[in-house]
Amino acid sequence: MLAVLAAIDTPQGATLVRIAERTALDKKTVIHLIEQAVTQAGVTIYKTGPVYEIEDWGPVIKRSGARLALQGALNAPTLKP
């Protein structure tokens, strides 16, 4: 979900095809994750024509965390001393 939100978070928004390309997910999964972000995390997403835009990140998700997820930074293992 975080990677999808980061893919949407561009100055001009993003289309479904562009989001799918950036996340390497199929379009059906992208749509499902957008719906989850709205219903479960309180993210406000608008769709104007084919373009999705995030108006409000809601109370749960941080924009910086979503960007890290898209970059793959959150998949790195952490070592504990």
N, C-alpha and C. Protein backbone atom coordinates (compact mmCIF):
# COMPACT_ATOMS: atom_id res chain seq x y z
N MET A 1 0.82 -1.19 0.00
CA MET A 1 0.00 0.00 0.00
C MET A 1 0.87 1.26 0.00
N LEU A 2 1.92 1.24 0.81
CA LEU A 2 2.79 2.41 0.90
C LEU A 2 3.44 2.74 -0.45
N ALA A 3 3.90 1.73 -1.15
CA ALA A 3 4.53 1.95 -2.45
C ALA A 3 3.54 2.53 -3.46
N VAL A 4 2.30 2.07 -3.42
CA VAL A 4 1.27 2.60 -4.32
C VAL A 4 1.02 4.08 -4.02
N LEU A 5 0.92 4.41 -2.75
CA LEU A 5 0.69 5.81 -2.38
C LEU A 5 1.87 6.69 -2.82
N ALA A 6 3.08 6.20 -2.66
CA ALA A 6 4.25 6.96 -3.10
C ALA A 6 4.26 7.14 -4.61
N ALA A 7 3.80 6.13 -5.34
CA ALA A 7 3.74 6.23 -6.80
C ALA A 7 2.70 7.26 -7.24
N ILE A 8 1.66 7.43 -6.46
CA ILE A 8 0.64 8.45 -6.76
C ILE A 8 1.17 9.84 -6.44
N ASP A 9 2.03 9.93 -5.43
CA ASP A 9 2.49 11.21 -4.89
C ASP A 9 3.52 11.89 -5.79
N THR A 10 3.05 12.39 -6.90
CA THR A 10 3.86 13.20 -7.80
C THR A 10 3.13 14.53 -7.98
N PRO A 11 3.84 15.58 -8.37
CA PRO A 11 3.18 16.88 -8.49
C PRO A 11 1.94 16.88 -9.39
N GLN A 12 1.95 16.08 -10.43
CA GLN A 12 0.82 16.05 -11.35
C GLN A 12 -0.07 14.83 -11.16
N GLY A 13 0.16 14.05 -10.09
CA GLY A 13 -0.62 12.84 -9.89
C GLY A 13 -0.12 11.74 -10.81
N ALA A 14 -0.84 10.63 -10.85
CA ALA A 14 -0.40 9.50 -11.67
C ALA A 14 -1.60 8.70 -12.15
N THR A 15 -1.47 8.14 -13.33
CA THR A 15 -2.52 7.28 -13.86
C THR A 15 -2.34 5.86 -13.33
N LEU A 16 -3.36 5.05 -13.48
CA LEU A 16 -3.31 3.66 -13.05
C LEU A 16 -2.16 2.92 -13.72
N VAL A 17 -1.96 3.13 -14.99
CA VAL A 17 -0.89 2.47 -15.72
C VAL A 17 0.47 2.89 -15.17
N ARG A 18 0.63 4.17 -14.90
CA ARG A 18 1.91 4.69 -14.37
C ARG A 18 2.18 4.13 -12.96
N ILE A 19 1.15 4.07 -12.15
CA ILE A 19 1.30 3.53 -10.79
C ILE A 19 1.71 2.06 -10.87
N ALA A 20 1.06 1.30 -11.74
CA ALA A 20 1.38 -0.12 -11.91
C ALA A 20 2.83 -0.29 -12.38
N GLU A 21 3.27 0.55 -13.29
CA GLU A 21 4.65 0.48 -13.78
C GLU A 21 5.65 0.77 -12.67
N ARG A 22 5.39 1.81 -11.90
CA ARG A 22 6.34 2.22 -10.85
C ARG A 22 6.42 1.21 -9.71
N THR A 23 5.33 0.50 -9.45
CA THR A 23 5.31 -0.44 -8.32
C THR A 23 5.52 -1.88 -8.74
N ALA A 24 5.48 -2.17 -10.02
CA ALA A 24 5.59 -3.53 -10.56
C ALA A 24 4.44 -4.41 -10.07
N LEU A 25 3.28 -3.80 -9.87
CA LEU A 25 2.07 -4.53 -9.48
C LEU A 25 1.08 -4.49 -10.64
N ASP A 26 0.17 -5.45 -10.67
CA ASP A 26 -0.85 -5.42 -11.71
C ASP A 26 -1.90 -4.37 -11.34
N LYS A 27 -2.65 -3.91 -12.33
CA LYS A 27 -3.62 -2.83 -12.12
C LYS A 27 -4.71 -3.18 -11.12
N LYS A 28 -5.16 -4.42 -11.13
CA LYS A 28 -6.20 -4.84 -10.18
C LYS A 28 -5.70 -4.72 -8.74
N THR A 29 -4.47 -5.13 -8.51
CA THR A 29 -3.89 -5.02 -7.17
C THR A 29 -3.74 -3.56 -6.76
N VAL A 30 -3.32 -2.72 -7.69
CA VAL A 30 -3.18 -1.28 -7.41
C VAL A 30 -4.52 -0.69 -6.98
N ILE A 31 -5.57 -1.01 -7.72
CA ILE A 31 -6.91 -0.51 -7.38
C ILE A 31 -7.32 -0.98 -5.99
N HIS A 32 -7.08 -2.25 -5.69
CA HIS A 32 -7.41 -2.80 -4.38
C HIS A 32 -6.65 -2.08 -3.27
N LEU A 33 -5.37 -1.82 -3.47
CA LEU A 33 -4.56 -1.15 -2.45
C LEU A 33 -4.96 0.32 -2.27
N ILE A 34 -5.38 0.97 -3.34
CA ILE A 34 -5.89 2.34 -3.22
C ILE A 34 -7.16 2.34 -2.36
N GLU A 35 -8.06 1.40 -2.64
CA GLU A 35 -9.29 1.29 -1.85
C GLU A 35 -8.98 1.02 -0.38
N GLN A 36 -8.00 0.16 -0.12
CA GLN A 36 -7.60 -0.12 1.26
C GLN A 36 -7.05 1.12 1.95
N ALA A 37 -6.24 1.89 1.25
CA ALA A 37 -5.67 3.10 1.84
C ALA A 37 -6.77 4.06 2.25
N VAL A 38 -7.80 4.16 1.43
CA VAL A 38 -8.92 5.06 1.74
C VAL A 38 -9.73 4.54 2.92
N THR A 39 -10.10 3.27 2.88
CA THR A 39 -11.00 2.74 3.91
C THR A 39 -10.30 2.41 5.22
N GLN A 40 -9.07 1.92 5.15
CA GLN A 40 -8.41 1.46 6.37
C GLN A 40 -7.46 2.48 6.98
N ALA A 41 -6.87 3.33 6.16
CA ALA A 41 -5.87 4.27 6.68
C ALA A 41 -6.34 5.72 6.65
N GLY A 42 -7.52 5.96 6.10
CA GLY A 42 -8.06 7.32 6.09
C GLY A 42 -7.40 8.27 5.11
N VAL A 43 -6.74 7.73 4.08
CA VAL A 43 -6.11 8.56 3.06
C VAL A 43 -7.20 9.10 2.14
N THR A 44 -7.10 10.39 1.79
CA THR A 44 -8.06 10.98 0.86
C THR A 44 -7.42 11.04 -0.52
N ILE A 45 -7.98 10.28 -1.45
CA ILE A 45 -7.46 10.21 -2.82
C ILE A 45 -8.57 10.61 -3.78
N TYR A 46 -8.24 11.52 -4.69
CA TYR A 46 -9.19 11.93 -5.71
C TYR A 46 -8.73 11.41 -7.05
N LYS A 47 -9.70 11.11 -7.89
CA LYS A 47 -9.41 10.70 -9.26
C LYS A 47 -10.11 11.68 -10.20
N THR A 48 -9.32 12.37 -10.98
CA THR A 48 -9.84 13.31 -11.97
C THR A 48 -9.48 12.74 -13.34
N GLY A 49 -10.51 12.28 -14.06
CA GLY A 49 -10.23 11.57 -15.31
C GLY A 49 -9.43 10.32 -14.95
N PRO A 50 -8.30 10.10 -15.61
CA PRO A 50 -7.49 8.92 -15.29
C PRO A 50 -6.43 9.16 -14.20
N VAL A 51 -6.36 10.37 -13.67
CA VAL A 51 -5.27 10.75 -12.77
C VAL A 51 -5.69 10.69 -11.30
N TYR A 52 -4.89 9.98 -10.51
CA TYR A 52 -5.10 9.89 -9.06
C TYR A 52 -4.22 10.94 -8.38
N GLU A 53 -4.76 11.56 -7.33
CA GLU A 53 -4.00 12.51 -6.53
C GLU A 53 -4.34 12.32 -5.05
N ILE A 54 -3.34 12.46 -4.22
CA ILE A 54 -3.55 12.36 -2.77
C ILE A 54 -3.80 13.76 -2.24
N GLU A 55 -4.94 13.94 -1.59
CA GLU A 55 -5.24 15.24 -0.99
C GLU A 55 -4.78 15.26 0.47
N ASP A 56 -4.97 14.14 1.17
CA ASP A 56 -4.63 14.07 2.59
C ASP A 56 -4.13 12.67 2.91
N TRP A 57 -3.01 12.58 3.62
CA TRP A 57 -2.41 11.30 3.97
C TRP A 57 -3.11 10.62 5.13
N GLY A 58 -4.02 11.30 5.80
CA GLY A 58 -4.75 10.69 6.90
C GLY A 58 -3.92 10.64 8.17
N PRO A 59 -4.47 10.03 9.21
CA PRO A 59 -3.82 10.03 10.51
C PRO A 59 -2.79 8.93 10.73
N VAL A 60 -2.68 7.99 9.81
CA VAL A 60 -1.86 6.81 10.06
C VAL A 60 -0.56 6.79 9.27
N ILE A 61 -0.60 7.14 8.01
CA ILE A 61 0.54 6.96 7.12
C ILE A 61 1.35 8.25 6.98
N LYS A 62 2.67 8.10 7.01
CA LYS A 62 3.56 9.24 6.79
C LYS A 62 4.06 9.20 5.36
N ARG A 63 4.08 10.35 4.74
CA ARG A 63 4.53 10.47 3.36
C ARG A 63 5.96 9.94 3.19
N SER A 64 6.83 10.26 4.12
CA SER A 64 8.23 9.83 4.02
C SER A 64 8.35 8.31 4.07
N GLY A 65 7.52 7.66 4.89
CA GLY A 65 7.53 6.20 4.95
C GLY A 65 7.07 5.57 3.66
N ALA A 66 6.09 6.17 3.03
CA ALA A 66 5.60 5.66 1.74
C ALA A 66 6.69 5.75 0.68
N ARG A 67 7.42 6.85 0.68
CA ARG A 67 8.50 7.00 -0.30
C ARG A 67 9.60 5.95 -0.08
N LEU A 68 9.91 5.69 1.17
CA LEU A 68 10.90 4.65 1.47
C LEU A 68 10.44 3.29 0.98
N ALA A 69 9.16 3.00 1.11
CA ALA A 69 8.61 1.73 0.65
C ALA A 69 8.75 1.58 -0.86
N LEU A 70 8.48 2.65 -1.59
CA LEU A 70 8.60 2.60 -3.05
C LEU A 70 10.05 2.38 -3.46
N GLN A 71 10.98 2.94 -2.72
CA GLN A 71 12.40 2.80 -3.03
C GLN A 71 12.96 1.44 -2.60
N GLY A 72 12.17 0.68 -1.84
CA GLY A 72 12.60 -0.62 -1.38
C GLY A 72 13.39 -0.56 -0.08
N ALA A 73 13.50 0.61 0.51
CA ALA A 73 14.29 0.78 1.73
C ALA A 73 13.70 0.06 2.93
N LEU A 74 12.40 -0.13 2.93
CA LEU A 74 11.77 -0.79 4.08
C LEU A 74 11.90 -2.31 4.01
N ASN A 75 12.38 -2.83 2.89
CA ASN A 75 12.55 -4.27 2.74
C ASN A 75 13.91 -4.75 3.23
N ALA A 76 14.79 -3.80 3.54
CA ALA A 76 16.13 -4.17 3.98
C ALA A 76 16.08 -4.73 5.40
N PRO A 77 16.80 -5.80 5.63
CA PRO A 77 16.82 -6.37 6.98
C PRO A 77 17.55 -5.44 7.95
N THR A 78 17.09 -5.41 9.17
CA THR A 78 17.77 -4.62 10.19
C THR A 78 18.52 -5.56 11.11
N LEU A 79 19.70 -5.17 11.46
CA LEU A 79 20.54 -5.98 12.34
C LEU A 79 20.44 -5.44 13.75
N LYS A 80 20.20 -6.33 14.68
CA LYS A 80 20.14 -5.92 16.08
C LYS A 80 21.42 -6.39 16.78
N PRO A 81 22.01 -5.50 17.57
CA PRO A 81 23.27 -5.89 18.25
C PRO A 81 23.05 -6.95 19.30
